[in-house]
N, C-alpha and C. Protein backbone atom coordinates (compact mmCIF):
# COMPACT_ATOMS: atom_id res chain seq x y z
N MET A 1 3.23 -4.50 40.20
CA MET A 1 2.13 -3.95 40.96
C MET A 1 1.64 -5.03 41.90
N MET A 2 1.44 -4.68 43.12
CA MET A 2 0.96 -5.62 44.13
C MET A 2 -0.48 -5.26 44.46
N VAL A 3 -1.33 -6.26 44.44
CA VAL A 3 -2.72 -6.07 44.83
C VAL A 3 -2.95 -6.92 46.08
N HIS A 4 -3.41 -6.28 47.12
CA HIS A 4 -3.65 -6.99 48.38
C HIS A 4 -5.13 -7.29 48.51
N GLY A 5 -5.47 -8.52 48.71
CA GLY A 5 -6.85 -8.92 48.97
C GLY A 5 -6.89 -9.54 50.36
N MET A 6 -7.99 -9.87 50.85
CA MET A 6 -8.17 -10.35 52.22
C MET A 6 -6.92 -11.01 52.78
N SER A 7 -6.60 -12.19 52.35
CA SER A 7 -5.39 -12.84 52.87
C SER A 7 -4.45 -13.23 51.75
N ASN A 8 -4.80 -12.85 50.53
CA ASN A 8 -3.98 -13.22 49.37
C ASN A 8 -3.23 -12.01 48.84
N VAL A 9 -2.08 -12.25 48.32
CA VAL A 9 -1.32 -11.21 47.64
C VAL A 9 -1.15 -11.67 46.20
N ILE A 10 -1.52 -10.83 45.27
CA ILE A 10 -1.42 -11.17 43.85
C ILE A 10 -0.39 -10.25 43.21
N ASN A 11 0.56 -10.81 42.51
CA ASN A 11 1.58 -10.04 41.83
C ASN A 11 1.18 -9.96 40.35
N ILE A 12 0.93 -8.77 39.86
CA ILE A 12 0.55 -8.58 38.46
C ILE A 12 1.71 -7.91 37.75
N GLY A 13 2.25 -8.56 36.75
CA GLY A 13 3.37 -7.99 35.99
C GLY A 13 2.87 -7.33 34.72
N PHE A 14 3.56 -6.31 34.29
CA PHE A 14 3.23 -5.61 33.06
C PHE A 14 4.35 -5.81 32.06
N LYS A 15 3.98 -6.11 30.85
CA LYS A 15 4.97 -6.30 29.79
C LYS A 15 4.81 -5.15 28.80
N VAL A 16 5.90 -4.51 28.49
CA VAL A 16 5.88 -3.43 27.51
C VAL A 16 5.87 -4.06 26.12
N LEU A 17 4.85 -3.75 25.35
CA LEU A 17 4.73 -4.30 24.00
C LEU A 17 5.47 -3.40 23.01
N GLN A 18 6.22 -4.02 22.13
CA GLN A 18 6.90 -3.29 21.07
C GLN A 18 5.90 -3.03 19.95
N PRO A 19 6.01 -1.90 19.26
CA PRO A 19 5.10 -1.64 18.15
C PRO A 19 5.28 -2.69 17.06
N LEU A 20 4.19 -2.99 16.40
CA LEU A 20 4.23 -3.95 15.30
C LEU A 20 4.92 -3.34 14.10
N THR A 21 5.51 -4.18 13.31
CA THR A 21 6.07 -3.77 12.03
C THR A 21 5.38 -4.58 10.96
N MET A 22 4.84 -3.89 9.95
CA MET A 22 4.15 -4.58 8.87
C MET A 22 4.66 -4.01 7.55
N PHE A 23 5.57 -4.75 6.93
CA PHE A 23 6.14 -4.29 5.67
C PHE A 23 5.19 -4.63 4.52
N VAL A 24 4.97 -3.63 3.67
CA VAL A 24 4.11 -3.75 2.50
C VAL A 24 4.77 -2.98 1.36
N GLY A 25 4.13 -2.98 0.22
CA GLY A 25 4.64 -2.24 -0.93
C GLY A 25 3.84 -0.97 -1.17
N LEU A 26 4.54 0.09 -1.53
CA LEU A 26 3.89 1.36 -1.85
C LEU A 26 4.08 1.67 -3.32
N LEU A 27 2.97 1.90 -4.01
CA LEU A 27 3.01 2.39 -5.38
C LEU A 27 2.65 3.86 -5.34
N GLU A 28 3.52 4.68 -5.89
CA GLU A 28 3.30 6.13 -5.93
C GLU A 28 3.44 6.57 -7.37
N VAL A 29 2.36 7.16 -7.92
CA VAL A 29 2.34 7.55 -9.33
C VAL A 29 2.01 9.04 -9.44
N ASP A 30 2.88 9.77 -10.13
CA ASP A 30 2.60 11.17 -10.46
C ASP A 30 2.03 11.14 -11.88
N ALA A 31 0.71 11.04 -11.97
CA ALA A 31 0.05 10.81 -13.25
C ALA A 31 -0.18 12.11 -14.02
N ASP A 32 -0.28 11.96 -15.32
CA ASP A 32 -0.65 13.06 -16.21
C ASP A 32 -1.98 13.65 -15.72
N PRO A 33 -2.10 14.99 -15.68
CA PRO A 33 -3.35 15.61 -15.22
C PRO A 33 -4.58 15.23 -16.05
N LEU A 34 -4.36 14.81 -17.30
CA LEU A 34 -5.48 14.42 -18.16
C LEU A 34 -5.89 12.97 -17.95
N ALA A 35 -5.11 12.21 -17.21
CA ALA A 35 -5.47 10.81 -16.93
C ALA A 35 -6.64 10.79 -15.95
N GLU A 36 -7.59 9.92 -16.23
CA GLU A 36 -8.78 9.83 -15.39
C GLU A 36 -8.87 8.53 -14.60
N ARG A 37 -8.11 7.54 -15.02
CA ARG A 37 -8.14 6.24 -14.34
C ARG A 37 -6.73 5.68 -14.26
N ILE A 38 -6.52 4.84 -13.24
CA ILE A 38 -5.27 4.10 -13.11
C ILE A 38 -5.61 2.63 -12.93
N VAL A 39 -4.85 1.79 -13.59
CA VAL A 39 -5.01 0.34 -13.44
C VAL A 39 -3.66 -0.26 -13.09
N VAL A 40 -3.68 -1.24 -12.21
CA VAL A 40 -2.48 -1.97 -11.84
C VAL A 40 -2.79 -3.45 -11.96
N LEU A 41 -1.97 -4.15 -12.74
CA LEU A 41 -2.18 -5.57 -12.97
C LEU A 41 -0.95 -6.36 -12.55
N ASP A 42 -1.19 -7.55 -12.05
CA ASP A 42 -0.10 -8.51 -11.87
C ASP A 42 0.22 -8.99 -13.29
N ARG A 43 1.43 -8.75 -13.74
CA ARG A 43 1.74 -9.02 -15.15
C ARG A 43 1.80 -10.50 -15.49
N LEU A 44 1.95 -11.39 -14.50
CA LEU A 44 1.99 -12.82 -14.78
C LEU A 44 0.59 -13.42 -14.91
N SER A 45 -0.31 -13.03 -14.02
CA SER A 45 -1.67 -13.59 -14.03
C SER A 45 -2.69 -12.65 -14.67
N LEU A 46 -2.32 -11.40 -14.87
CA LEU A 46 -3.19 -10.33 -15.35
C LEU A 46 -4.34 -10.06 -14.38
N THR A 47 -4.16 -10.41 -13.12
CA THR A 47 -5.13 -10.09 -12.08
C THR A 47 -5.11 -8.59 -11.84
N SER A 48 -6.30 -8.00 -11.80
CA SER A 48 -6.41 -6.57 -11.53
C SER A 48 -6.24 -6.32 -10.03
N LEU A 49 -5.26 -5.50 -9.67
CA LEU A 49 -5.02 -5.14 -8.28
C LEU A 49 -5.61 -3.78 -7.95
N VAL A 50 -5.62 -2.88 -8.92
CA VAL A 50 -6.17 -1.54 -8.75
C VAL A 50 -6.88 -1.15 -10.04
N ASN A 51 -8.07 -0.58 -9.90
CA ASN A 51 -8.79 0.04 -11.00
C ASN A 51 -9.54 1.20 -10.36
N SER A 52 -8.95 2.38 -10.45
CA SER A 52 -9.44 3.50 -9.65
C SER A 52 -9.46 4.79 -10.46
N LYS A 53 -10.35 5.69 -10.07
CA LYS A 53 -10.38 7.03 -10.66
C LYS A 53 -9.21 7.83 -10.11
N LEU A 54 -8.69 8.72 -10.93
CA LEU A 54 -7.63 9.64 -10.51
C LEU A 54 -8.24 11.03 -10.31
N ASP A 55 -7.80 11.69 -9.27
CA ASP A 55 -8.27 13.04 -8.99
C ASP A 55 -7.18 14.07 -9.22
N GLY A 56 -6.16 13.70 -9.97
CA GLY A 56 -5.04 14.60 -10.19
C GLY A 56 -4.02 14.49 -9.07
N GLY A 57 -2.83 14.96 -9.33
CA GLY A 57 -1.78 14.91 -8.32
C GLY A 57 -1.16 13.54 -8.19
N ILE A 58 -0.67 13.26 -7.00
CA ILE A 58 0.03 12.01 -6.72
C ILE A 58 -0.97 10.95 -6.27
N PHE A 59 -0.92 9.79 -6.90
CA PHE A 59 -1.76 8.65 -6.51
C PHE A 59 -0.89 7.68 -5.72
N LYS A 60 -1.36 7.28 -4.53
CA LYS A 60 -0.62 6.32 -3.71
C LYS A 60 -1.54 5.19 -3.31
N VAL A 61 -0.99 3.98 -3.30
CA VAL A 61 -1.75 2.82 -2.86
C VAL A 61 -0.79 1.80 -2.25
N ILE A 62 -1.25 1.12 -1.22
CA ILE A 62 -0.48 0.05 -0.60
C ILE A 62 -0.90 -1.28 -1.22
N LEU A 63 0.10 -2.07 -1.58
CA LEU A 63 -0.13 -3.38 -2.20
C LEU A 63 0.70 -4.43 -1.45
N PRO A 64 0.44 -5.71 -1.70
CA PRO A 64 1.15 -6.76 -0.98
C PRO A 64 2.68 -6.68 -1.12
N PHE A 65 3.35 -7.12 -0.06
CA PHE A 65 4.81 -7.09 0.02
C PHE A 65 5.47 -7.84 -1.14
N GLU A 66 4.83 -8.89 -1.64
CA GLU A 66 5.44 -9.71 -2.70
C GLU A 66 5.83 -8.88 -3.93
N TYR A 67 5.19 -7.74 -4.14
CA TYR A 67 5.50 -6.91 -5.30
C TYR A 67 6.69 -5.97 -5.06
N THR A 68 7.33 -6.09 -3.90
CA THR A 68 8.54 -5.31 -3.62
C THR A 68 9.79 -6.08 -3.99
N THR A 69 9.66 -7.36 -4.25
CA THR A 69 10.83 -8.20 -4.53
C THR A 69 10.92 -8.64 -5.98
N LYS A 70 9.88 -8.39 -6.74
CA LYS A 70 9.87 -8.79 -8.15
C LYS A 70 9.28 -7.67 -8.99
N ASN A 71 9.69 -7.61 -10.23
CA ASN A 71 9.17 -6.60 -11.16
C ASN A 71 7.95 -7.15 -11.90
N ASN A 72 6.89 -7.44 -11.15
CA ASN A 72 5.74 -8.13 -11.74
C ASN A 72 4.48 -7.29 -11.83
N LEU A 73 4.62 -5.97 -11.90
CA LEU A 73 3.44 -5.13 -12.03
C LEU A 73 3.41 -4.41 -13.37
N LEU A 74 2.20 -4.24 -13.86
CA LEU A 74 1.93 -3.47 -15.06
C LEU A 74 1.02 -2.33 -14.62
N VAL A 75 1.48 -1.09 -14.77
CA VAL A 75 0.75 0.09 -14.28
C VAL A 75 0.37 0.95 -15.48
N GLY A 76 -0.92 1.29 -15.56
CA GLY A 76 -1.39 2.09 -16.69
C GLY A 76 -2.28 3.23 -16.28
N ILE A 77 -2.22 4.30 -17.08
CA ILE A 77 -3.14 5.43 -16.91
C ILE A 77 -3.92 5.60 -18.20
N LEU A 78 -5.17 6.01 -18.07
CA LEU A 78 -6.01 6.20 -19.25
C LEU A 78 -7.10 7.22 -18.95
N ASP A 79 -7.71 7.71 -20.03
CA ASP A 79 -8.84 8.62 -19.87
C ASP A 79 -10.11 7.87 -20.23
N SER A 80 -11.21 8.27 -19.65
CA SER A 80 -12.47 7.52 -19.80
C SER A 80 -13.11 7.67 -21.16
N ASP A 81 -12.89 8.79 -21.84
CA ASP A 81 -13.56 9.01 -23.13
C ASP A 81 -12.69 8.63 -24.33
N MET A 82 -11.56 7.99 -24.11
CA MET A 82 -10.65 7.47 -25.15
C MET A 82 -10.13 8.56 -26.09
N GLU A 83 -9.98 9.78 -25.60
CA GLU A 83 -9.42 10.86 -26.40
C GLU A 83 -7.91 10.68 -26.59
N PHE A 84 -7.24 10.12 -25.57
CA PHE A 84 -5.80 9.91 -25.59
C PHE A 84 -5.48 8.42 -25.52
N ASN A 85 -4.32 8.05 -26.01
CA ASN A 85 -3.87 6.66 -25.89
C ASN A 85 -3.54 6.35 -24.43
N ALA A 86 -3.82 5.13 -24.04
CA ALA A 86 -3.44 4.69 -22.71
C ALA A 86 -1.91 4.57 -22.65
N THR A 87 -1.35 4.77 -21.47
CA THR A 87 0.09 4.64 -21.27
C THR A 87 0.33 3.63 -20.16
N PHE A 88 1.20 2.65 -20.45
CA PHE A 88 1.50 1.61 -19.47
C PHE A 88 2.99 1.53 -19.23
N LEU A 89 3.34 1.19 -18.01
CA LEU A 89 4.72 0.94 -17.63
C LEU A 89 4.80 -0.50 -17.15
N ASP A 90 5.68 -1.25 -17.75
CA ASP A 90 5.81 -2.68 -17.46
C ASP A 90 6.99 -2.93 -16.53
N GLY A 91 6.88 -3.98 -15.73
CA GLY A 91 8.00 -4.38 -14.87
C GLY A 91 8.22 -3.49 -13.68
N VAL A 92 7.13 -3.00 -13.08
CA VAL A 92 7.23 -2.09 -11.93
C VAL A 92 7.45 -2.89 -10.65
N ARG A 93 8.35 -2.39 -9.81
CA ARG A 93 8.62 -2.96 -8.49
C ARG A 93 8.28 -1.89 -7.45
N LEU A 94 7.61 -2.31 -6.38
CA LEU A 94 7.15 -1.36 -5.37
C LEU A 94 8.23 -1.03 -4.36
N GLN A 95 8.06 0.12 -3.74
CA GLN A 95 8.91 0.57 -2.64
C GLN A 95 8.46 -0.14 -1.37
N VAL A 96 9.41 -0.59 -0.54
CA VAL A 96 9.09 -1.23 0.74
C VAL A 96 8.84 -0.14 1.78
N ILE A 97 7.70 -0.26 2.49
CA ILE A 97 7.40 0.66 3.58
C ILE A 97 6.87 -0.14 4.78
N ASP A 98 6.93 0.47 5.94
CA ASP A 98 6.30 -0.07 7.14
C ASP A 98 4.94 0.61 7.24
N SER A 99 3.88 -0.13 7.00
CA SER A 99 2.55 0.47 6.95
C SER A 99 2.10 1.04 8.29
N ILE A 100 2.73 0.62 9.38
CA ILE A 100 2.39 1.17 10.69
C ILE A 100 2.98 2.59 10.83
N GLU A 101 4.12 2.83 10.21
CA GLU A 101 4.84 4.10 10.37
C GLU A 101 4.47 5.17 9.34
N VAL A 102 4.01 4.77 8.15
CA VAL A 102 3.85 5.71 7.05
C VAL A 102 2.39 6.08 6.84
N ASP A 103 2.13 7.37 6.66
CA ASP A 103 0.80 7.86 6.30
C ASP A 103 0.82 8.15 4.80
N ILE A 104 0.16 7.32 4.01
CA ILE A 104 0.23 7.50 2.56
C ILE A 104 -0.61 8.67 2.06
N LYS A 105 -1.42 9.24 2.92
CA LYS A 105 -2.24 10.39 2.51
C LYS A 105 -1.46 11.69 2.52
N ALA A 106 -0.30 11.67 3.13
CA ALA A 106 0.52 12.89 3.22
C ALA A 106 1.21 13.18 1.92
């Protein structure tokens, strides 16, 4: 694009930007309808990554990419009134997704 000013000519170039790619991990859990909470822990440090209420159906959450390369997650479902035993799955590895491209609410 050329912009003409009094006696100066300015050349302004445009650069087409490529969309960003941001790889992260996706945890997708089809939980028991009676489960009321989900917890996700880093199994090495026992750091809590998720502690959330469940509304039934499929639960999805994005977590750091590092959990896509190692089986270092402990995922559990439980009910709030302790009527049922908690259920945990050890050694979970996340699915790799591009967070720019994927809508986890779908």
